[in-house]
Each structure stands twice: as structure tokens, then as C-alpha cells.
Amino acid sequence: MPTTQSILIVDCVDETRTVLKMALERKGLEILEAKAPREGLELLRSRNPDLIVLDMELQSSTDGESSDGLARETHARRKPLLMLGSLRAAAISPPPGQIVSKPYHYAPLIRKIEELLGAARQPAVSSPP
């Protein structure tokens, strides 16, 4: 029996998290939510989600943690990361197709999340010797 995939949504806007959560839970996904990068980092470390959706406009945080720090740890853990916003000041650059500029529409965003989750489920293909 396949395990349920989980997604961590890190966004300070309650409405954004709520809409994404409702749409993704309907697809059978487990949703973890964080308002701030530090909370997101704690959930990343404790729950090890399959995909992280990160609002890059959370650059300045009162808890001392930035979106860049969360993005770096996600990258180090080799987890797919979907960034929302712009990469003006991001510490890392995601692979092509893993950033969604604002303003965005939810339907294409949900499709992108499904695409990344599907790719994450595929076994790694090793190159021939």
C-alpha cells in the first residue's frame, strides 16, 4: 500500500495556505503548514515532507530565520522545492520550472505541485557506466 505523500506549505498568508491545503487534501495529500521560515524548518526536520512550497517573499523574519535558509536545507536534503514569488535575493536557484511568479492562479500551481510530486516518486535513473 503506497504511503501518503506530504507537502509543507510555508507562507505567511493564511488564505493562501488554506486554499492550497483544501485543494491538495482533496487529492489525498497530507499538508503541513508554517507561517514563518523557522516553523517550516522545524517541520522539514521533524516530518520530512515530500515537497516544500515556499513563499520567497518571507525574506525578513522576526525569528531570525530566512526563506533562504529553509531553501538551502531543502536543497541539501534533496527534496523538491517549489518557490513562489521572485528570486531577487534568494541564496539558491531552483531548477527550471520550480518557481511560480506572483500573482499566480491556483489551478496551474496545483498542477505544478502534482508534477513535482510525480517526478519525486519516480526512481532515480542511473547513467550507464
Protein backbone atom coordinates (compact mmCIF):
# COMPACT_ATOMS: atom_id res chain seq x y z
CA MET A 1 0.00 0.00 0.00
CA PRO A 2 1.55 3.34 -1.04
CA THR A 3 2.24 5.87 1.64
CA THR A 4 0.56 9.26 1.55
CA GLN A 5 2.79 11.98 0.18
CA SER A 6 3.15 15.12 2.27
CA ILE A 7 3.64 18.74 1.35
CA LEU A 8 4.94 21.53 3.56
CA ILE A 9 3.46 24.93 2.70
CA VAL A 10 5.42 27.87 4.13
CA ASP A 11 3.55 31.12 3.60
CA CYS A 12 2.59 33.92 5.98
CA VAL A 13 -0.78 34.44 4.26
CA ASP A 14 -3.47 32.33 5.94
CA GLU A 15 -5.73 32.42 2.87
CA THR A 16 -3.01 31.04 0.59
CA ARG A 17 -2.26 28.16 2.94
CA THR A 18 -5.96 27.40 3.43
CA VAL A 19 -6.80 27.33 -0.30
CA LEU A 20 -3.79 25.16 -1.13
CA LYS A 21 -4.47 22.86 1.80
CA MET A 22 -8.11 22.30 0.84
CA ALA A 23 -7.29 21.64 -2.82
CA LEU A 24 -4.39 19.29 -2.07
CA GLU A 25 -6.14 17.36 0.69
CA ARG A 26 -8.91 16.56 -1.82
CA LYS A 27 -6.21 14.81 -3.83
CA GLY A 28 -5.28 12.64 -0.85
CA LEU A 29 -2.14 14.52 0.18
CA GLU A 30 -1.06 15.28 3.74
CA ILE A 31 -0.50 19.00 4.27
CA LEU A 32 1.85 20.59 6.80
CA GLU A 33 1.63 24.35 7.30
CA ALA A 34 4.00 27.01 8.56
CA LYS A 35 3.62 30.79 8.75
CA ALA A 36 7.33 31.51 9.13
CA PRO A 37 10.61 30.03 7.89
CA ARG A 38 11.73 28.84 11.35
CA GLU A 39 8.49 26.90 11.83
CA GLY A 40 8.91 25.49 8.31
CA LEU A 41 12.47 24.43 9.06
CA GLU A 42 11.33 22.62 12.21
CA LEU A 43 8.63 20.77 10.25
CA LEU A 44 11.11 19.92 7.49
CA ARG A 45 13.45 18.38 10.04
CA SER A 46 10.81 16.57 12.11
CA ARG A 47 8.33 15.44 9.45
CA ASN A 48 10.50 15.16 6.30
CA PRO A 49 7.80 16.15 3.75
CA ASP A 50 8.00 15.02 0.13
CA LEU A 51 7.73 18.55 -1.29
CA ILE A 52 8.12 22.07 0.07
CA VAL A 53 6.13 25.04 -1.27
CA LEU A 54 7.90 28.18 -0.10
CA ASP A 55 6.91 31.83 -0.41
CA MET A 56 10.21 33.54 -1.17
CA GLU A 57 8.83 36.88 -0.04
CA LEU A 58 9.28 35.79 3.58
CA GLN A 59 12.83 37.15 3.36
CA SER A 60 12.75 39.09 6.59
CA SER A 61 11.60 37.16 9.60
CA THR A 62 11.37 38.22 13.21
CA ASP A 63 12.53 34.78 14.37
CA GLY A 64 15.96 35.12 12.77
CA GLU A 65 15.41 32.51 10.06
CA SER A 66 15.01 33.38 6.39
CA SER A 67 13.38 31.68 3.45
CA ASP A 68 16.87 31.26 2.02
CA GLY A 69 17.92 29.12 4.99
CA LEU A 70 14.90 26.89 4.53
CA ALA A 71 15.56 26.67 0.79
CA ARG A 72 19.21 25.70 1.40
CA GLU A 73 18.25 22.92 3.83
CA THR A 74 15.56 21.66 1.46
CA HIS A 75 18.16 21.53 -1.31
CA ALA A 76 20.67 19.75 0.96
CA ARG A 77 18.02 17.12 1.77
CA ARG A 78 17.38 16.68 -1.96
CA LYS A 79 13.71 17.48 -1.60
CA PRO A 80 11.74 19.15 -4.39
CA LEU A 81 11.15 22.83 -3.70
CA LEU A 82 8.54 24.97 -5.39
CA MET A 83 9.23 28.66 -4.83
CA LEU A 84 6.51 31.29 -5.01
CA GLY A 85 7.47 34.85 -5.83
CA SER A 86 10.77 36.07 -7.22
CA LEU A 87 14.38 35.08 -6.77
CA ARG A 88 15.68 38.62 -6.33
CA ALA A 89 17.57 37.79 -3.17
CA ALA A 90 17.38 34.01 -2.95
CA ALA A 91 20.51 32.17 -1.91
CA ILE A 92 19.88 29.25 -4.25
CA SER A 93 18.28 28.92 -7.65
CA PRO A 94 15.77 26.15 -8.18
CA PRO A 95 15.87 24.03 -11.31
CA PRO A 96 13.87 25.47 -14.22
CA GLY A 97 10.14 25.18 -13.70
CA GLN A 98 10.31 25.21 -9.91
CA ILE A 99 9.40 28.84 -9.41
CA VAL A 100 5.94 30.30 -9.80
CA SER A 101 5.81 34.08 -10.12
CA LYS A 102 3.22 36.13 -8.30
CA PRO A 103 0.44 36.75 -8.89
CA TYR A 104 -0.41 33.15 -9.73
CA HIS A 105 -3.56 31.17 -10.33
CA TYR A 106 -4.24 28.19 -8.09
CA ALA A 107 -5.12 25.63 -10.80
CA PRO A 108 -1.73 25.84 -12.58
CA LEU A 109 0.00 25.92 -9.17
CA ILE A 110 -1.76 22.69 -8.13
CA ARG A 111 -0.78 21.06 -11.45
CA LYS A 112 2.86 22.08 -10.90
CA ILE A 113 2.78 20.58 -7.38
CA GLU A 114 1.34 17.32 -8.76
CA GLU A 115 4.01 17.27 -11.47
CA LEU A 116 6.82 17.71 -8.94
CA LEU A 117 5.37 15.05 -6.63
CA GLY A 118 5.07 12.65 -9.56
CA ALA A 119 8.70 13.27 -10.51
CA ALA A 120 9.77 12.76 -6.88
CA ARG A 121 8.09 9.32 -6.86
CA GLN A 122 9.99 8.16 -9.93
CA PRO A 123 13.06 6.04 -9.18
CA ALA A 124 16.33 7.74 -9.93
CA VAL A 125 17.71 6.68 -13.29
CA SER A 126 21.38 5.88 -13.15
CA SER A 127 23.52 6.62 -16.13
CA PRO A 128 25.26 3.70 -17.82
CA PRO A 129 28.90 3.07 -16.85
